[in-house]
Amino acid sequence: MIAYLKGTVHQKESELLIVDVSGIGYRVEISTQTFETLPDEKEEVKLLIYHHFTDSDQRLFGFSTRKEKNLFERLITVKGIGPKLGLTILSGMAAADLIEAIVTQNTSALSGISGIGKKTAQRMVLELKDKLFDESEPSIVSADGKTQDRKEESVSALLALGFKKNEATKLVRSIVSDNPKADVSTIVKRALSEMKR
C-alpha cells in the first residue's frame, strides 16, 4: 500500500501526473484542485496517495493536501461513487463549496457537477451530511490531522467555508453555550443557517 510519493514531476496534465521516484514513473490521477498546486516539470513534488485495488487493476489517486484526501475518502463511501467519480466531484467544485452544499443539502448545486445526477446528489447529502464532521474520522478541515476539540474543529470548518475567524469563534461559542452536547456537524449546520437569516 502506497501512502505518499515524493519525487520529481516527469509529466503533468489536468487529470494525470507522472512522478519519477528514483527512476520509476508512477502514474497518479489527480483533481484540478491538486493540479493547480503542482510545481513545474523536473521539480520536486510530494503527494498523498489513495491506492485503489480491484481484481484486475491498481490505480493511484494523488492529493496535495490531507484535507482533500480526507474529503475524497468520505465521498467514495457513498453508494455509486467510485474513486474516478470522487475525483471528478473534487474537480467540479471547490472543497469549501462542496462541504457547504452537502451540509446545507443543496442538491441542485451538487447535481451541477459533471457526472452527478439528482439521485446521486440526494444520496451524497443523505449519506454524508452527518459524516463530514464525524470526530472519529480523519478531519476534512484541519490540515495537520491532529485531534481537535469540537469547538476548534467547528471553527476550522467554518473558516474552510469562508467565515472570518472572529465571526466563526463567536458563533461557535454561542451555539455551544445554547447546546453543550452539540457535535461538530450540528454546530456547523446551525452556524450556516444563522448566517443566512
Protein backbone atom coordinates (compact mmCIF):
# COMPACT_ATOMS: atom_id res chain seq x y z
CA MET A 1 0.00 0.00 0.00
CA ILE A 2 1.47 3.35 -1.07
CA ALA A 3 0.80 6.20 1.41
CA TYR A 4 2.66 9.00 -0.39
CA LEU A 5 5.06 9.61 -3.27
CA LYS A 6 7.97 12.01 -3.22
CA GLY A 7 9.88 12.56 -6.43
CA THR A 8 10.09 14.84 -9.44
CA VAL A 9 7.33 15.81 -11.83
CA HIS A 10 8.02 13.90 -15.05
CA GLN A 11 4.83 14.86 -16.86
CA LYS A 12 1.65 16.64 -15.82
CA GLU A 13 -1.77 17.06 -17.36
CA SER A 14 -5.03 18.34 -15.90
CA GLU A 15 -6.11 14.90 -14.64
CA LEU A 16 -2.85 12.96 -14.66
CA LEU A 17 0.62 13.21 -13.22
CA ILE A 18 3.66 11.01 -13.71
CA VAL A 19 6.02 11.17 -10.73
CA ASP A 20 9.59 9.96 -11.16
CA VAL A 21 10.71 8.29 -7.94
CA SER A 22 14.31 7.06 -8.28
CA GLY A 23 13.89 6.19 -11.96
CA ILE A 24 10.42 4.62 -11.64
CA GLY A 25 7.47 6.53 -13.10
CA TYR A 26 4.25 6.36 -11.09
CA ARG A 27 1.03 7.27 -12.90
CA VAL A 28 -1.17 9.25 -10.50
CA GLU A 29 -4.69 10.50 -11.19
CA ILE A 30 -5.37 13.95 -9.73
CA SER A 31 -8.13 16.55 -9.37
CA THR A 32 -7.92 20.07 -10.78
CA GLN A 33 -7.53 21.29 -7.16
CA THR A 34 -4.29 19.30 -6.85
CA PHE A 35 -3.18 20.17 -10.40
CA GLU A 36 -3.28 23.89 -9.55
CA THR A 37 -0.80 23.36 -6.69
CA LEU A 38 1.76 21.34 -8.67
CA PRO A 39 5.27 22.60 -9.38
CA ASP A 40 6.72 22.66 -12.91
CA GLU A 41 8.14 19.60 -14.63
CA LYS A 42 11.52 18.39 -13.25
CA GLU A 43 10.73 19.98 -9.87
CA GLU A 44 10.19 18.04 -6.64
CA VAL A 45 6.67 17.08 -5.59
CA LYS A 46 5.12 15.17 -2.70
CA LEU A 47 1.61 13.76 -2.97
CA LEU A 48 -0.56 11.89 -0.51
CA ILE A 49 -1.82 8.73 -2.21
CA TYR A 50 -5.04 6.74 -2.16
CA HIS A 51 -4.04 3.31 -3.50
CA HIS A 52 -7.09 1.67 -5.10
CA PHE A 53 -7.13 -2.08 -5.74
CA THR A 54 -9.58 -4.12 -7.82
CA ASP A 55 -9.32 -7.73 -9.05
CA SER A 56 -7.91 -6.59 -12.38
CA ASP A 57 -6.34 -3.22 -11.69
CA GLN A 58 -4.42 -0.93 -9.34
CA ARG A 59 -4.71 2.85 -9.52
CA LEU A 60 -3.09 5.69 -7.64
CA PHE A 61 -5.02 8.85 -6.77
CA GLY A 62 -2.92 11.77 -5.56
CA PHE A 63 -3.70 14.76 -3.35
CA SER A 64 -1.67 17.81 -2.41
CA THR A 65 -3.41 18.24 0.97
CA ARG A 66 -4.65 15.95 3.71
CA LYS A 67 -7.98 17.82 3.69
CA GLU A 68 -8.63 16.95 0.04
CA LYS A 69 -7.66 13.30 0.56
CA ASN A 70 -9.91 13.00 3.62
CA LEU A 71 -12.83 14.55 1.70
CA PHE A 72 -12.19 12.15 -1.22
CA GLU A 73 -12.24 9.19 1.17
CA ARG A 74 -15.60 10.35 2.54
CA LEU A 75 -17.02 10.78 -0.99
CA ILE A 76 -16.16 7.25 -2.10
CA THR A 77 -18.10 5.77 0.83
CA VAL A 78 -21.30 6.94 -0.92
CA LYS A 79 -23.02 4.17 -2.87
CA GLY A 80 -22.42 4.66 -6.59
CA ILE A 81 -19.38 6.94 -6.17
CA GLY A 82 -16.12 5.24 -7.03
CA PRO A 83 -12.65 6.80 -6.99
CA LYS A 84 -12.89 8.17 -10.56
CA LEU A 85 -16.20 9.93 -9.89
CA GLY A 86 -14.90 11.09 -6.49
CA LEU A 87 -12.03 12.82 -8.29
CA THR A 88 -14.46 14.33 -10.83
CA ILE A 89 -16.53 15.76 -7.95
CA LEU A 90 -13.43 17.34 -6.37
CA SER A 91 -12.53 18.81 -9.77
CA GLY A 92 -16.04 20.14 -10.30
CA MET A 93 -16.41 22.15 -7.11
CA ALA A 94 -14.06 23.77 -4.60
CA ALA A 95 -13.84 21.78 -1.37
CA ALA A 96 -15.41 24.54 0.77
CA ASP A 97 -18.35 24.88 -1.66
CA LEU A 98 -18.77 21.11 -1.78
CA ILE A 99 -18.86 20.83 2.03
CA GLU A 100 -21.34 23.71 2.25
CA ALA A 101 -23.59 22.17 -0.44
CA ILE A 102 -23.67 18.85 1.44
CA VAL A 103 -24.22 20.39 4.88
CA THR A 104 -26.98 22.72 3.62
CA GLN A 105 -28.46 19.89 1.50
CA ASN A 106 -28.16 21.91 -1.71
CA THR A 107 -28.73 19.05 -4.17
CA SER A 108 -29.16 21.40 -7.15
CA ALA A 109 -25.59 22.71 -6.70
CA LEU A 110 -24.28 19.15 -6.37
CA SER A 111 -26.14 17.91 -9.46
CA GLY A 112 -24.49 20.75 -11.41
CA ILE A 113 -21.22 18.78 -11.21
CA SER A 114 -20.46 16.73 -14.33
CA GLY A 115 -21.45 13.07 -13.80
CA ILE A 116 -23.69 13.78 -10.79
CA GLY A 117 -27.41 13.33 -11.34
CA LYS A 118 -30.20 14.30 -8.99
CA LYS A 119 -30.32 10.86 -7.32
CA THR A 120 -26.57 10.75 -6.70
CA ALA A 121 -26.72 14.30 -5.29
CA GLN A 122 -29.51 13.26 -2.90
CA ARG A 123 -27.55 10.16 -1.88
CA MET A 124 -24.45 12.30 -1.22
CA VAL A 125 -26.43 14.57 1.09
CA LEU A 126 -28.18 11.68 2.84
CA GLU A 127 -25.02 9.64 3.40
CA LEU A 128 -22.51 12.46 4.08
CA LYS A 129 -24.34 15.25 5.92
CA ASP A 130 -23.61 13.66 9.30
CA LYS A 131 -20.29 12.04 8.31
CA LEU A 132 -18.43 15.14 7.17
CA PHE A 133 -17.59 16.30 10.68
CA ASP A 134 -17.57 12.91 12.39
CA GLU A 135 -14.86 13.24 15.05
CA SER A 136 -13.98 9.52 14.76
CA GLU A 137 -12.85 10.04 11.15
CA PRO A 138 -9.83 11.99 9.82
CA SER A 139 -10.64 15.69 9.64
CA ILE A 140 -11.67 17.32 6.36
CA VAL A 141 -10.91 20.77 7.68
CA SER A 142 -7.74 20.59 9.78
CA ALA A 143 -4.74 20.05 7.56
CA ASP A 144 -2.44 18.71 10.26
CA GLY A 145 -4.67 15.76 11.11
CA LYS A 146 -4.35 16.39 14.85
CA THR A 147 -7.29 15.71 17.09
CA GLN A 148 -9.14 18.89 17.92
CA ASP A 149 -11.94 19.54 20.34
CA ARG A 150 -15.43 20.19 18.96
CA LYS A 151 -15.12 23.97 19.19
CA GLU A 152 -11.77 24.11 17.35
CA GLU A 153 -12.97 21.66 14.69
CA SER A 154 -16.19 23.68 14.21
CA VAL A 155 -14.25 26.95 13.88
CA SER A 156 -11.87 25.27 11.36
CA ALA A 157 -14.86 24.00 9.38
CA LEU A 158 -16.41 27.47 9.27
CA LEU A 159 -13.08 29.04 8.22
CA ALA A 160 -12.87 26.47 5.41
CA LEU A 161 -16.36 27.61 4.37
CA GLY A 162 -15.22 31.23 4.14
CA PHE A 163 -16.20 32.66 7.56
CA LYS A 164 -13.93 35.20 9.26
CA LYS A 165 -12.11 33.89 12.35
CA ASN A 166 -13.73 36.19 14.95
CA GLU A 167 -17.18 35.68 13.41
CA ALA A 168 -16.74 31.86 13.43
CA THR A 169 -15.42 31.79 17.00
CA LYS A 170 -18.26 33.95 18.29
CA LEU A 171 -20.93 31.87 16.52
CA VAL A 172 -19.47 28.57 17.76
CA ARG A 173 -19.31 29.84 21.37
CA SER A 174 -22.92 30.98 21.19
CA ILE A 175 -24.16 27.68 19.68
CA VAL A 176 -22.23 25.54 22.18
CA SER A 177 -23.49 27.57 25.15
CA ASP A 178 -27.09 27.01 23.92
CA ASN A 179 -26.46 23.32 23.23
CA PRO A 180 -23.39 22.00 25.13
CA LYS A 181 -23.71 18.48 23.67
CA ALA A 182 -23.86 19.58 20.00
CA ASP A 183 -21.46 17.71 17.74
CA VAL A 184 -19.41 19.42 15.01
CA SER A 185 -21.94 18.67 12.28
CA THR A 186 -24.79 20.24 14.30
CA ILE A 187 -22.70 23.31 15.18
CA VAL A 188 -21.72 23.91 11.52
CA LYS A 189 -25.30 23.45 10.28
CA ARG A 190 -26.60 25.89 12.90
CA ALA A 191 -23.91 28.44 12.05
CA LEU A 192 -24.71 28.23 8.33
CA SER A 193 -28.45 28.63 8.93
CA GLU A 194 -27.88 31.59 11.29
CA MET A 195 -25.69 33.35 8.72
CA LYS A 196 -28.42 33.04 6.08
CA ARG A 197 -31.02 34.85 8.23
